[in-house]
Amino acid sequence: MKKNELIHLHTLLVEIANDFIDRGVATPADLAAYNRLGIGPMALRACRADHEVAVRTLTTALAVCAVRDRGHDTARVPGQHLLASPPDSDDSSDSDGPNTHERVPSN
């Protein structure tokens, strides 16, 4: 896939993520691994590999949310290692809890 095609796919996935949040299928916490990457579809100067990781991470997060929403076991969704928090992450800044109305930034 060419970089411009990957960016287009990335843009579409962000729209799906925002729809999932609006419908209550996903929360911003579900998309935290994607947001930590800091690579949105408008990060045009980011390399192709960065967009690929962002697309894979967002796709996995969306798949987990969709499977959970359907009432199925999320353990069978592949790629969940992409959603794991990095060992040195500091989650103490979220003491107020996630904002459930926060949309996915398109950077």
PDB file of N, CA and C in Angstrom:
ATOM      1  N   MET A   1       0.845  -1.173   0.000  1.00  0.00           N
ATOM      2  CA  MET A   1       0.000   0.000   0.000  1.00  0.00           C
ATOM      3  C   MET A   1       0.893   1.240   0.000  1.00  0.00           C
ATOM      4  N   LYS A   2       0.557   2.193  -0.833  1.00  0.00           N
ATOM      5  CA  LYS A   2       1.315   3.439  -0.902  1.00  0.00           C
ATOM      6  C   LYS A   2       0.978   4.312   0.300  1.00  0.00           C
ATOM      7  N   LYS A   3       1.881   5.255   0.600  1.00  0.00           N
ATOM      8  CA  LYS A   3       1.697   6.108   1.767  1.00  0.00           C
ATOM      9  C   LYS A   3       0.390   6.899   1.674  1.00  0.00           C
ATOM     10  N   ASN A   4       0.066   7.440   0.505  1.00  0.00           N
ATOM     11  CA  ASN A   4      -1.160   8.222   0.401  1.00  0.00           C
ATOM     12  C   ASN A   4      -2.397   7.354   0.607  1.00  0.00           C
ATOM     13  N   GLU A   5      -2.349   6.106   0.192  1.00  0.00           N
ATOM     14  CA  GLU A   5      -3.456   5.181   0.433  1.00  0.00           C
ATOM     15  C   GLU A   5      -3.566   4.848   1.921  1.00  0.00           C
ATOM     16  N   LEU A   6      -2.424   4.692   2.569  1.00  0.00           N
ATOM     17  CA  LEU A   6      -2.400   4.406   4.005  1.00  0.00           C
ATOM     18  C   LEU A   6      -2.968   5.586   4.797  1.00  0.00           C
ATOM     19  N   ILE A   7      -2.624   6.799   4.385  1.00  0.00           N
ATOM     20  CA  ILE A   7      -3.146   7.995   5.052  1.00  0.00           C
ATOM     21  C   ILE A   7      -4.660   8.089   4.854  1.00  0.00           C
ATOM     22  N   HIS A   8      -5.132   7.746   3.659  1.00  0.00           N
ATOM     23  CA  HIS A   8      -6.579   7.754   3.408  1.00  0.00           C
ATOM     24  C   HIS A   8      -7.287   6.737   4.312  1.00  0.00           C
ATOM     25  N   LEU A   9      -6.734   5.544   4.410  1.00  0.00           N
ATOM     26  CA  LEU A   9      -7.291   4.522   5.297  1.00  0.00           C
ATOM     27  C   LEU A   9      -7.271   5.006   6.742  1.00  0.00           C
ATOM     28  N   HIS A  10      -6.180   5.640   7.140  1.00  0.00           N
ATOM     29  CA  HIS A  10      -6.036   6.170   8.490  1.00  0.00           C
ATOM     30  C   HIS A  10      -7.150   7.187   8.769  1.00  0.00           C
ATOM     31  N   THR A  11      -7.418   8.061   7.807  1.00  0.00           N
ATOM     32  CA  THR A  11      -8.472   9.058   7.953  1.00  0.00           C
ATOM     33  C   THR A  11      -9.838   8.399   8.141  1.00  0.00           C
ATOM     34  N   LEU A  12     -10.117   7.373   7.344  1.00  0.00           N
ATOM     35  CA  LEU A  12     -11.390   6.666   7.461  1.00  0.00           C
ATOM     36  C   LEU A  12     -11.529   5.971   8.815  1.00  0.00           C
ATOM     37  N   LEU A  13     -10.440   5.387   9.299  1.00  0.00           N
ATOM     38  CA  LEU A  13     -10.482   4.710  10.596  1.00  0.00           C
ATOM     39  C   LEU A  13     -10.733   5.693  11.734  1.00  0.00           C
ATOM     40  N   VAL A  14     -10.177   6.897  11.631  1.00  0.00           N
ATOM     41  CA  VAL A  14     -10.432   7.921  12.657  1.00  0.00           C
ATOM     42  C   VAL A  14     -11.911   8.299  12.649  1.00  0.00           C
ATOM     43  N   GLU A  15     -12.513   8.384  11.473  1.00  0.00           N
ATOM     44  CA  GLU A  15     -13.956   8.668  11.397  1.00  0.00           C
ATOM     45  C   GLU A  15     -14.767   7.552  12.058  1.00  0.00           C
ATOM     46  N   ILE A  16     -14.374   6.309  11.822  1.00  0.00           N
ATOM     47  CA  ILE A  16     -15.049   5.176  12.459  1.00  0.00           C
ATOM     48  C   ILE A  16     -14.871   5.241  13.976  1.00  0.00           C
ATOM     49  N   ALA A  17     -13.673   5.576  14.421  1.00  0.00           N
ATOM     50  CA  ALA A  17     -13.412   5.682  15.864  1.00  0.00           C
ATOM     51  C   ALA A  17     -14.298   6.750  16.489  1.00  0.00           C
ATOM     52  N   ASN A  18     -14.434   7.885  15.831  1.00  0.00           N
ATOM     53  CA  ASN A  18     -15.297   8.945  16.358  1.00  0.00           C
ATOM     54  C   ASN A  18     -16.756   8.503  16.377  1.00  0.00           C
ATOM     55  N   ASP A  19     -17.170   7.768  15.367  1.00  0.00           N
ATOM     56  CA  ASP A  19     -18.530   7.223  15.351  1.00  0.00           C
ATOM     57  C   ASP A  19     -18.731   6.233  16.499  1.00  0.00           C
ATOM     58  N   PHE A  20     -17.739   5.372  16.730  1.00  0.00           N
ATOM     59  CA  PHE A  20     -17.812   4.422  17.843  1.00  0.00           C
ATOM     60  C   PHE A  20     -17.945   5.164  19.175  1.00  0.00           C
ATOM     61  N   ILE A  21     -17.201   6.243  19.346  1.00  0.00           N
ATOM     62  CA  ILE A  21     -17.283   7.018  20.587  1.00  0.00           C
ATOM     63  C   ILE A  21     -18.658   7.652  20.704  1.00  0.00           C
ATOM     64  N   ASP A  22     -19.143   8.245  19.619  1.00  0.00           N
ATOM     65  CA  ASP A  22     -20.460   8.888  19.640  1.00  0.00           C
ATOM     66  C   ASP A  22     -21.575   7.894  19.981  1.00  0.00           C
ATOM     67  N   ARG A  23     -21.455   6.647  19.501  1.00  0.00           N
ATOM     68  CA  ARG A  23     -22.484   5.633  19.730  1.00  0.00           C
ATOM     69  C   ARG A  23     -22.272   4.861  21.026  1.00  0.00           C
ATOM     70  N   GLY A  24     -21.187   5.112  21.744  1.00  0.00           N
ATOM     71  CA  GLY A  24     -20.935   4.420  22.999  1.00  0.00           C
ATOM     72  C   GLY A  24     -20.308   3.048  22.847  1.00  0.00           C
ATOM     73  N   VAL A  25     -19.871   2.719  21.649  1.00  0.00           N
ATOM     74  CA  VAL A  25     -19.209   1.432  21.417  1.00  0.00           C
ATOM     75  C   VAL A  25     -17.790   1.468  21.977  1.00  0.00           C
ATOM     76  N   ALA A  26     -17.166   2.639  21.924  1.00  0.00           N
ATOM     77  CA  ALA A  26     -15.800   2.813  22.419  1.00  0.00           C
ATOM     78  C   ALA A  26     -15.750   4.031  23.327  1.00  0.00           C
ATOM     79  N   THR A  27     -14.740   4.056  24.171  1.00  0.00           N
ATOM     80  CA  THR A  27     -14.463   5.222  25.013  1.00  0.00           C
ATOM     81  C   THR A  27     -13.070   5.722  24.664  1.00  0.00           C
ATOM     82  N   PRO A  28     -12.752   6.943  25.035  1.00  0.00           N
ATOM     83  CA  PRO A  28     -11.382   7.420  24.802  1.00  0.00           C
ATOM     84  C   PRO A  28     -10.333   6.501  25.444  1.00  0.00           C
ATOM     85  N   ALA A  29     -10.671   5.876  26.554  1.00  0.00           N
ATOM     86  CA  ALA A  29      -9.732   4.958  27.198  1.00  0.00           C
ATOM     87  C   ALA A  29      -9.433   3.756  26.305  1.00  0.00           C
ATOM     88  N   ASP A  30     -10.434   3.321  25.534  1.00  0.00           N
ATOM     89  CA  ASP A  30     -10.225   2.206  24.611  1.00  0.00           C
ATOM     90  C   ASP A  30      -9.226   2.558  23.514  1.00  0.00           C
ATOM     91  N   LEU A  31      -9.117   3.843  23.205  1.00  0.00           N
ATOM     92  CA  LEU A  31      -8.250   4.291  22.120  1.00  0.00           C
ATOM     93  C   LEU A  31      -6.954   4.931  22.628  1.00  0.00           C
ATOM     94  N   ALA A  32      -6.679   4.749  23.915  1.00  0.00           N
ATOM     95  CA  ALA A  32      -5.507   5.378  24.525  1.00  0.00           C
ATOM     96  C   ALA A  32      -4.199   4.942  23.864  1.00  0.00           C
ATOM     97  N   ALA A  33      -4.076   3.672  23.515  1.00  0.00           N
ATOM     98  CA  ALA A  33      -2.833   3.194  22.889  1.00  0.00           C
ATOM     99  C   ALA A  33      -2.602   3.902  21.558  1.00  0.00           C
ATOM    100  N   TYR A  34      -3.651   4.095  20.791  1.00  0.00           N
ATOM    101  CA  TYR A  34      -3.541   4.826  19.518  1.00  0.00           C
ATOM    102  C   TYR A  34      -3.164   6.284  19.776  1.00  0.00           C
ATOM    103  N   ASN A  35      -3.843   6.922  20.716  1.00  0.00           N
ATOM    104  CA  ASN A  35      -3.578   8.337  21.002  1.00  0.00           C
ATOM    105  C   ASN A  35      -2.166   8.564  21.522  1.00  0.00           C
ATOM    106  N   ARG A  36      -1.621   7.588  22.267  1.00  0.00           N
ATOM    107  CA  ARG A  36      -0.246   7.709  22.777  1.00  0.00           C
ATOM    108  C   ARG A  36       0.771   7.798  21.649  1.00  0.00           C
ATOM    109  N   LEU A  37       0.451   7.225  20.499  1.00  0.00           N
ATOM    110  CA  LEU A  37       1.390   7.256  19.378  1.00  0.00           C
ATOM    111  C   LEU A  37       1.610   8.667  18.861  1.00  0.00           C
ATOM    112  N   GLY A  38       0.595   9.503  18.927  1.00  0.00           N
ATOM    113  CA  GLY A  38       0.729  10.882  18.463  1.00  0.00           C
ATOM    114  C   GLY A  38       0.786  11.015  16.949  1.00  0.00           C
ATOM    115  N   ILE A  39       0.380   9.982  16.226  1.00  0.00           N
ATOM    116  CA  ILE A  39       0.386  10.007  14.762  1.00  0.00           C
ATOM    117  C   ILE A  39      -1.059   9.939  14.287  1.00  0.00           C
ATOM    118  N   GLY A  40      -1.562  11.063  13.808  1.00  0.00           N
ATOM    119  CA  GLY A  40      -2.898  11.099  13.239  1.00  0.00           C
ATOM    120  C   GLY A  40      -2.799  11.111  11.723  1.00  0.00           C
ATOM    121  N   PRO A  41      -3.914  11.036  11.045  1.00  0.00           N
ATOM    122  CA  PRO A  41      -3.877  11.009   9.588  1.00  0.00           C
ATOM    123  C   PRO A  41      -3.353  12.303   8.975  1.00  0.00           C
ATOM    124  N   MET A  42      -3.406  13.396   9.712  1.00  0.00           N
ATOM    125  CA  MET A  42      -2.915  14.664   9.171  1.00  0.00           C
ATOM    126  C   MET A  42      -1.420  14.876   9.441  1.00  0.00           C
ATOM    127  N   ALA A  43      -0.768  13.905  10.042  1.00  0.00           N
ATOM    128  CA  ALA A  43       0.678  13.974  10.270  1.00  0.00           C
ATOM    129  C   ALA A  43       1.377  13.567   8.965  1.00  0.00           C
ATOM    130  N   LEU A  44       1.265  14.441   7.967  1.00  0.00           N
ATOM    131  CA  LEU A  44       1.735  14.104   6.624  1.00  0.00           C
ATOM    132  C   LEU A  44       3.250  13.924   6.539  1.00  0.00           C
ATOM    133  N   ARG A  45       3.975  14.523   7.457  1.00  0.00           N
ATOM    134  CA  ARG A  45       5.434  14.381   7.426  1.00  0.00           C
ATOM    135  C   ARG A  45       5.933  13.145   8.163  1.00  0.00           C
ATOM    136  N   ALA A  46       5.019  12.464   8.828  1.00  0.00           N
ATOM    137  CA  ALA A  46       5.395  11.219   9.504  1.00  0.00           C
ATOM    138  C   ALA A  46       5.708  10.168   8.438  1.00  0.00           C
ATOM    139  N   CYS A  47       6.613   9.288   8.758  1.00  0.00           N
ATOM    140  CA  CYS A  47       6.995   8.270   7.778  1.00  0.00           C
ATOM    141  C   CYS A  47       5.885   7.227   7.634  1.00  0.00           C
ATOM    142  N   ARG A  48       5.959   6.503   6.552  1.00  0.00           N
ATOM    143  CA  ARG A  48       4.973   5.479   6.238  1.00  0.00           C
ATOM    144  C   ARG A  48       4.871   4.444   7.362  1.00  0.00           C
ATOM    145  N   ALA A  49       6.019   4.063   7.923  1.00  0.00           N
ATOM    146  CA  ALA A  49       6.041   3.055   8.990  1.00  0.00           C
ATOM    147  C   ALA A  49       5.262   3.545  10.220  1.00  0.00           C
ATOM    148  N   ASP A  50       5.370   4.841  10.550  1.00  0.00           N
ATOM    149  CA  ASP A  50       4.626   5.387  11.686  1.00  0.00           C
ATOM    150  C   ASP A  50       3.121   5.317  11.433  1.00  0.00           C
ATOM    151  N   HIS A  51       2.707   5.652  10.210  1.00  0.00           N
ATOM    152  CA  HIS A  51       1.286   5.565   9.869  1.00  0.00           C
ATOM    153  C   HIS A  51       0.813   4.114   9.916  1.00  0.00           C
ATOM    154  N   GLU A  52       1.670   3.199   9.483  1.00  0.00           N
ATOM    155  CA  GLU A  52       1.285   1.785   9.503  1.00  0.00           C
ATOM    156  C   GLU A  52       1.050   1.299  10.927  1.00  0.00           C
ATOM    157  N   VAL A  53       1.928   1.675  11.845  1.00  0.00           N
ATOM    158  CA  VAL A  53       1.753   1.287  13.244  1.00  0.00           C
ATOM    159  C   VAL A  53       0.478   1.916  13.804  1.00  0.00           C
ATOM    160  N   ALA A  54       0.233   3.184  13.470  1.00  0.00           N
ATOM    161  CA  ALA A  54      -0.974   3.857  13.949  1.00  0.00           C
ATOM    162  C   ALA A  54      -2.230   3.177  13.401  1.00  0.00           C
ATOM    163  N   VAL A  55      -2.223   2.830  12.117  1.00  0.00           N
ATOM    164  CA  VAL A  55      -3.381   2.160  11.509  1.00  0.00           C
ATOM    165  C   VAL A  55      -3.601   0.794  12.136  1.00  0.00           C
ATOM    166  N   ARG A  56      -2.534   0.039  12.345  1.00  0.00           N
ATOM    167  CA  ARG A  56      -2.678  -1.291  12.961  1.00  0.00           C
ATOM    168  C   ARG A  56      -3.198  -1.178  14.396  1.00  0.00           C
ATOM    169  N   THR A  57      -2.687  -0.209  15.126  1.00  0.00           N
ATOM    170  CA  THR A  57      -3.114  -0.019  16.515  1.00  0.00           C
ATOM    171  C   THR A  57      -4.579   0.404  16.577  1.00  0.00           C
ATOM    172  N   LEU A  58      -4.959   1.366  15.743  1.00  0.00           N
ATOM    173  CA  LEU A  58      -6.341   1.827  15.735  1.00  0.00           C
ATOM    174  C   LEU A  58      -7.289   0.718  15.267  1.00  0.00           C
ATOM    175  N   THR A  59      -6.891  -0.031  14.263  1.00  0.00           N
ATOM    176  CA  THR A  59      -7.712  -1.132  13.779  1.00  0.00           C
ATOM    177  C   THR A  59      -7.937  -2.173  14.873  1.00  0.00           C
ATOM    178  N   THR A  60      -6.890  -2.493  15.590  1.00  0.00           N
ATOM    179  CA  THR A  60      -7.013  -3.464  16.679  1.00  0.00           C
ATOM    180  C   THR A  60      -7.938  -2.948  17.774  1.00  0.00           C
ATOM    181  N   ALA A  61      -7.767  -1.683  18.152  1.00  0.00           N
ATOM    182  CA  ALA A  61      -8.628  -1.101  19.187  1.00  0.00           C
ATOM    183  C   ALA A  61     -10.090  -1.109  18.751  1.00  0.00           C
ATOM    184  N   LEU A  62     -10.346  -0.756  17.497  1.00  0.00           N
ATOM    185  CA  LEU A  62     -11.715  -0.748  16.988  1.00  0.00           C
ATOM    186  C   LEU A  62     -12.295  -2.159  16.943  1.00  0.00           C
ATOM    187  N   ALA A  63     -11.469  -3.129  16.559  1.00  0.00           N
ATOM    188  CA  ALA A  63     -11.935  -4.521  16.512  1.00  0.00           C
ATOM    189  C   ALA A  63     -12.308  -5.015  17.901  1.00  0.00           C
ATOM    190  N   VAL A  64     -11.489  -4.706  18.886  1.00  0.00           N
ATOM    191  CA  VAL A  64     -11.782  -5.114  20.266  1.00  0.00           C
ATOM    192  C   VAL A  64     -13.094  -4.487  20.731  1.00  0.00           C
ATOM    193  N   CYS A  65     -13.288  -3.207  20.432  1.00  0.00           N
ATOM    194  CA  CYS A  65     -14.525  -2.526  20.833  1.00  0.00           C
ATOM    195  C   CYS A  65     -15.740  -3.137  20.142  1.00  0.00           C
ATOM    196  N   ALA A  66     -15.621  -3.433  18.862  1.00  0.00           N
ATOM    197  CA  ALA A  66     -16.737  -4.015  18.112  1.00  0.00           C
ATOM    198  C   ALA A  66     -17.086  -5.399  18.632  1.00  0.00           C
ATOM    199  N   VAL A  67     -16.069  -6.213  18.886  1.00  0.00           N
ATOM    200  CA  VAL A  67     -16.306  -7.565  19.398  1.00  0.00           C
ATOM    201  C   VAL A  67     -16.953  -7.503  20.781  1.00  0.00           C
ATOM    202  N   ARG A  68     -16.442  -6.628  21.623  1.00  0.00           N
ATOM    203  CA  ARG A  68     -17.006  -6.467  22.974  1.00  0.00           C
ATOM    204  C   ARG A  68     -18.457  -5.987  22.899  1.00  0.00           C
ATOM    205  N   ASP A  69     -18.738  -5.050  21.980  1.00  0.00           N
ATOM    206  CA  ASP A  69     -20.091  -4.529  21.820  1.00  0.00           C
ATOM    207  C   ASP A  69     -21.070  -5.614  21.381  1.00  0.00           C
ATOM    208  N   ARG A  70     -20.593  -6.578  20.628  1.00  0.00           N
ATOM    209  CA  ARG A  70     -21.433  -7.693  20.177  1.00  0.00           C
ATOM    210  C   ARG A  70     -21.570  -8.776  21.235  1.00  0.00           C
ATOM    211  N   GLY A  71     -20.858  -8.618  22.366  1.00  0.00           N
ATOM    212  CA  GLY A  71     -20.974  -9.570  23.453  1.00  0.00           C
ATOM    213  C   GLY A  71     -20.110 -10.806  23.297  1.00  0.00           C
ATOM    214  N   HIS A  72     -19.074 -10.723  22.476  1.00  0.00           N
ATOM    215  CA  HIS A  72     -18.191 -11.865  22.258  1.00  0.00           C
ATOM    216  C   HIS A  72     -16.883 -11.696  23.026  1.00  0.00           C
ATOM    217  N   ASP A  73     -16.109 -12.765  23.072  1.00  0.00           N
ATOM    218  CA  ASP A  73     -14.831 -12.780  23.782  1.00  0.00           C
ATOM    219  C   ASP A  73     -13.776 -12.021  22.977  1.00  0.00           C
ATOM    220  N   THR A  74     -13.195 -10.994  23.571  1.00  0.00           N
ATOM    221  CA  THR A  74     -12.206 -10.168  22.880  1.00  0.00           C
ATOM    222  C   THR A  74     -10.818 -10.815  22.835  1.00  0.00           C
ATOM    223  N   ALA A  75     -10.627 -11.898  23.553  1.00  0.00           N
ATOM    224  CA  ALA A  75      -9.313 -12.547  23.596  1.00  0.00           C
ATOM    225  C   ALA A  75      -8.882 -13.083  22.231  1.00  0.00           C
ATOM    226  N   ARG A  76      -9.837 -13.309  21.348  1.00  0.00           N
ATOM    227  CA  ARG A  76      -9.507 -13.877  20.041  1.00  0.00           C
ATOM    228  C   ARG A  76      -9.135 -12.821  19.006  1.00  0.00           C
ATOM    229  N   VAL A  77      -9.224 -11.538  19.359  1.00  0.00           N
ATOM    230  CA  VAL A  77      -8.857 -10.472  18.430  1.00  0.00           C
ATOM    231  C   VAL A  77      -7.335 -10.419  18.329  1.00  0.00           C
ATOM    232  N   PRO A  78      -6.794 -10.573  17.122  1.00  0.00           N
ATOM    233  CA  PRO A  78      -5.334 -10.563  16.974  1.00  0.00           C
ATOM    234  C   PRO A  78      -4.751  -9.156  17.137  1.00  0.00           C
ATOM    235  N   GLY A  79      -3.482  -9.091  17.475  1.00  0.00           N
ATOM    236  CA  GLY A  79      -2.755  -7.827  17.533  1.00  0.00           C
ATOM    237  C   GLY A  79      -2.919  -7.046  18.814  1.00  0.00           C
ATOM    238  N   GLN A  80      -3.450  -7.658  19.850  1.00  0.00           N
ATOM    239  CA  GLN A  80      -3.714  -6.904  21.072  1.00  0.00           C
ATOM    240  C   GLN A  80      -2.438  -6.463  21.795  1.00  0.00           C
ATOM    241  N   HIS A  81      -1.315  -7.013  21.405  1.00  0.00           N
ATOM    242  CA  HIS A  81      -0.046  -6.551  21.990  1.00  0.00           C
ATOM    243  C   HIS A  81       0.187  -5.075  21.658  1.00  0.00           C
ATOM    244  N   LEU A  82      -0.416  -4.581  20.588  1.00  0.00           N
ATOM    245  CA  LEU A  82      -0.281  -3.177  20.213  1.00  0.00           C
ATOM    246  C   LEU A  82      -0.993  -2.249  21.195  1.00  0.00           C
ATOM    247  N   LEU A  83      -1.926  -2.786  21.951  1.00  0.00           N
ATOM    248  CA  LEU A  83      -2.722  -1.970  22.865  1.00  0.00           C
ATOM    249  C   LEU A  83      -2.148  -1.904  24.271  1.00  0.00           C
ATOM    250  N   ALA A  84      -1.126  -2.684  24.537  1.00  0.00           N
ATOM    251  CA  ALA A  84      -0.536  -2.725  25.881  1.00  0.00           C
ATOM    252  C   ALA A  84       0.146  -1.396  26.205  1.00  0.00           C
ATOM    253  N   SER A  85       0.010  -0.987  27.453  1.00  0.00           N
ATOM    254  CA  SER A  85       0.684   0.230  27.901  1.00  0.00           C
ATOM    255  C   SER A  85       2.175  -0.010  27.953  1.00  0.00           C
ATOM    256  N   PRO A  86       2.969   0.974  27.539  1.00  0.00           N
ATOM    257  CA  PRO A  86       4.406   0.812  27.683  1.00  0.00           C
ATOM    258  C   PRO A  86       4.770   0.744  29.160  1.00  0.00           C
ATOM    259  N   PRO A  87       5.792  -0.025  29.510  1.00  0.00           N
ATOM    260  CA  PRO A  87       6.125  -0.225  30.924  1.00  0.00           C
ATOM    261  C   PRO A  87       6.462   1.061  31.659  1.00  0.00           C
ATOM    262  N   ASP A  88       6.958   2.085  30.959  1.00  0.00           N
ATOM    263  CA  ASP A  88       7.345   3.323  31.626  1.00  0.00           C
ATOM    264  C   ASP A  88       6.266   4.390  31.560  1.00  0.00           C
ATOM    265  N   SER A  89       5.019   4.014  31.142  1.00  0.00           N
ATOM    266  CA  SER A  89       3.960   5.019  31.045  1.00  0.00           C
ATOM    267  C   SER A  89       3.496   5.420  32.434  1.00  0.00           C
ATOM    268  N   ASP A  90       3.121   6.680  32.566  1.00  0.00           N
ATOM    269  CA  ASP A  90       2.646   7.216  33.834  1.00  0.00           C
ATOM    270  C   ASP A  90       1.170   7.519  33.693  1.00  0.00           C
ATOM    271  N   ASP A  91       0.325   6.624  34.187  1.00  0.00           N
ATOM    272  CA  ASP A  91      -1.111   6.800  34.075  1.00  0.00           C
ATOM    273  C   ASP A  91      -1.685   7.583  35.247  1.00  0.00           C
ATOM    274  N   SER A  92      -0.856   8.100  36.122  1.00  0.00           N
ATOM    275  CA  SER A  92      -1.348   8.817  37.286  1.00  0.00           C
ATOM    276  C   SER A  92      -1.960  10.163  36.902  1.00  0.00           C
ATOM    277  N   SER A  93      -1.693  10.672  35.702  1.00  0.00           N
ATOM    278  CA  SER A  93      -2.244  11.956  35.286  1.00  0.00           C
ATOM    279  C   SER A  93      -3.736  11.865  34.988  1.00  0.00           C
ATOM    280  N   ASP A  94      -4.293  10.677  34.870  1.00  0.00           N
ATOM    281  CA  ASP A  94      -5.704  10.494  34.590  1.00  0.00           C
ATOM    282  C   ASP A  94      -6.505  10.301  35.862  1.00  0.00           C
ATOM    283  N   SER A  95      -6.148  11.005  36.930  1.00  0.00           N
ATOM    284  CA  SER A  95      -6.814  10.795  38.204  1.00  0.00           C
ATOM    285  C   SER A  95      -8.275  11.229  38.169  1.00  0.00           C
ATOM    286  N   ASP A  96      -8.647  12.134  37.269  1.00  0.00           N
ATOM    287  CA  ASP A  96     -10.030  12.567  37.161  1.00  0.00           C
ATOM    288  C   ASP A  96     -10.870  11.619  36.325  1.00  0.00           C
ATOM    289  N   GLY A  97     -10.244  10.636  35.695  1.00  0.00           N
ATOM    290  CA  GLY A  97     -10.959   9.695  34.842  1.00  0.00           C
ATOM    291  C   GLY A  97     -11.020  10.210  33.419  1.00  0.00           C
ATOM    292  N   PRO A  98     -11.341   9.330  32.488  1.00  0.00           N
ATOM    293  CA  PRO A  98     -11.371   9.733  31.093  1.00  0.00           C
ATOM    294  C   PRO A  98     -12.592  10.596  30.774  1.00  0.00           C
ATOM    295  N   ASN A  99     -12.422  11.489  29.819  1.00  0.00           N
ATOM    296  CA  ASN A  99     -13.521  12.290  29.319  1.00  0.00           C
ATOM    297  C   ASN A  99     -14.255  11.450  28.291  1.00  0.00           C
ATOM    298  N   THR A 100     -15.463  11.019  28.577  1.00  0.00           N
ATOM    299  CA  THR A 100     -16.157  10.087  27.700  1.00  0.00           C
ATOM    300  C   THR A 100     -16.686  10.748  26.435  1.00  0.00           C
ATOM    301  N   HIS A 101     -16.589  12.063  26.327  1.00  0.00           N
ATOM    302  CA  HIS A 101     -17.050  12.746  25.130  1.00  0.00           C
ATOM    303  C   HIS A 101     -15.901  13.230  24.259  1.00  0.00           C
ATOM    304  N   GLU A 102     -14.703  12.837  24.587  1.00  0.00           N
ATOM    305  CA  GLU A 102     -13.523  13.255  23.829  1.00  0.00           C
ATOM    306  C   GLU A 102     -13.458  12.519  22.500  1.00  0.00           C
ATOM    307  N   ARG A 103     -13.229  13.267  21.430  1.00  0.00           N
ATOM    308  CA  ARG A 103     -13.140  12.678  20.100  1.00  0.00           C
ATOM    309  C   ARG A 103     -11.691  12.351  19.796  1.00  0.00           C
ATOM    310  N   VAL A 104     -11.485  11.499  18.811  1.00  0.00           N
ATOM    311  CA  VAL A 104     -10.147  11.110  18.403  1.00  0.00           C
ATOM    312  C   VAL A 104      -9.540  12.272  17.608  1.00  0.00           C
ATOM    313  N   PRO A 105      -8.377  12.779  18.021  1.00  0.00           N
ATOM    314  CA  PRO A 105      -7.776  13.888  17.262  1.00  0.00           C
ATOM    315  C   PRO A 105      -7.256  13.398  15.917  1.00  0.00           C
ATOM    316  N   SER A 106      -7.364  14.257  14.934  1.00  0.00           N
ATOM    317  CA  SER A 106      -6.869  13.886  13.607  1.00  0.00           C
ATOM    318  C   SER A 106      -5.480  14.437  13.354  1.00  0.00           C
ATOM    319  N   ASN A 107      -4.900  15.116  14.371  1.00  0.00           N
ATOM    320  CA  ASN A 107      -3.568  15.726  14.291  1.00  0.00           C
ATOM    321  C   ASN A 107      -3.425  16.487  13.010  1.00  0.00           C
TER     322      ASN A 107
END
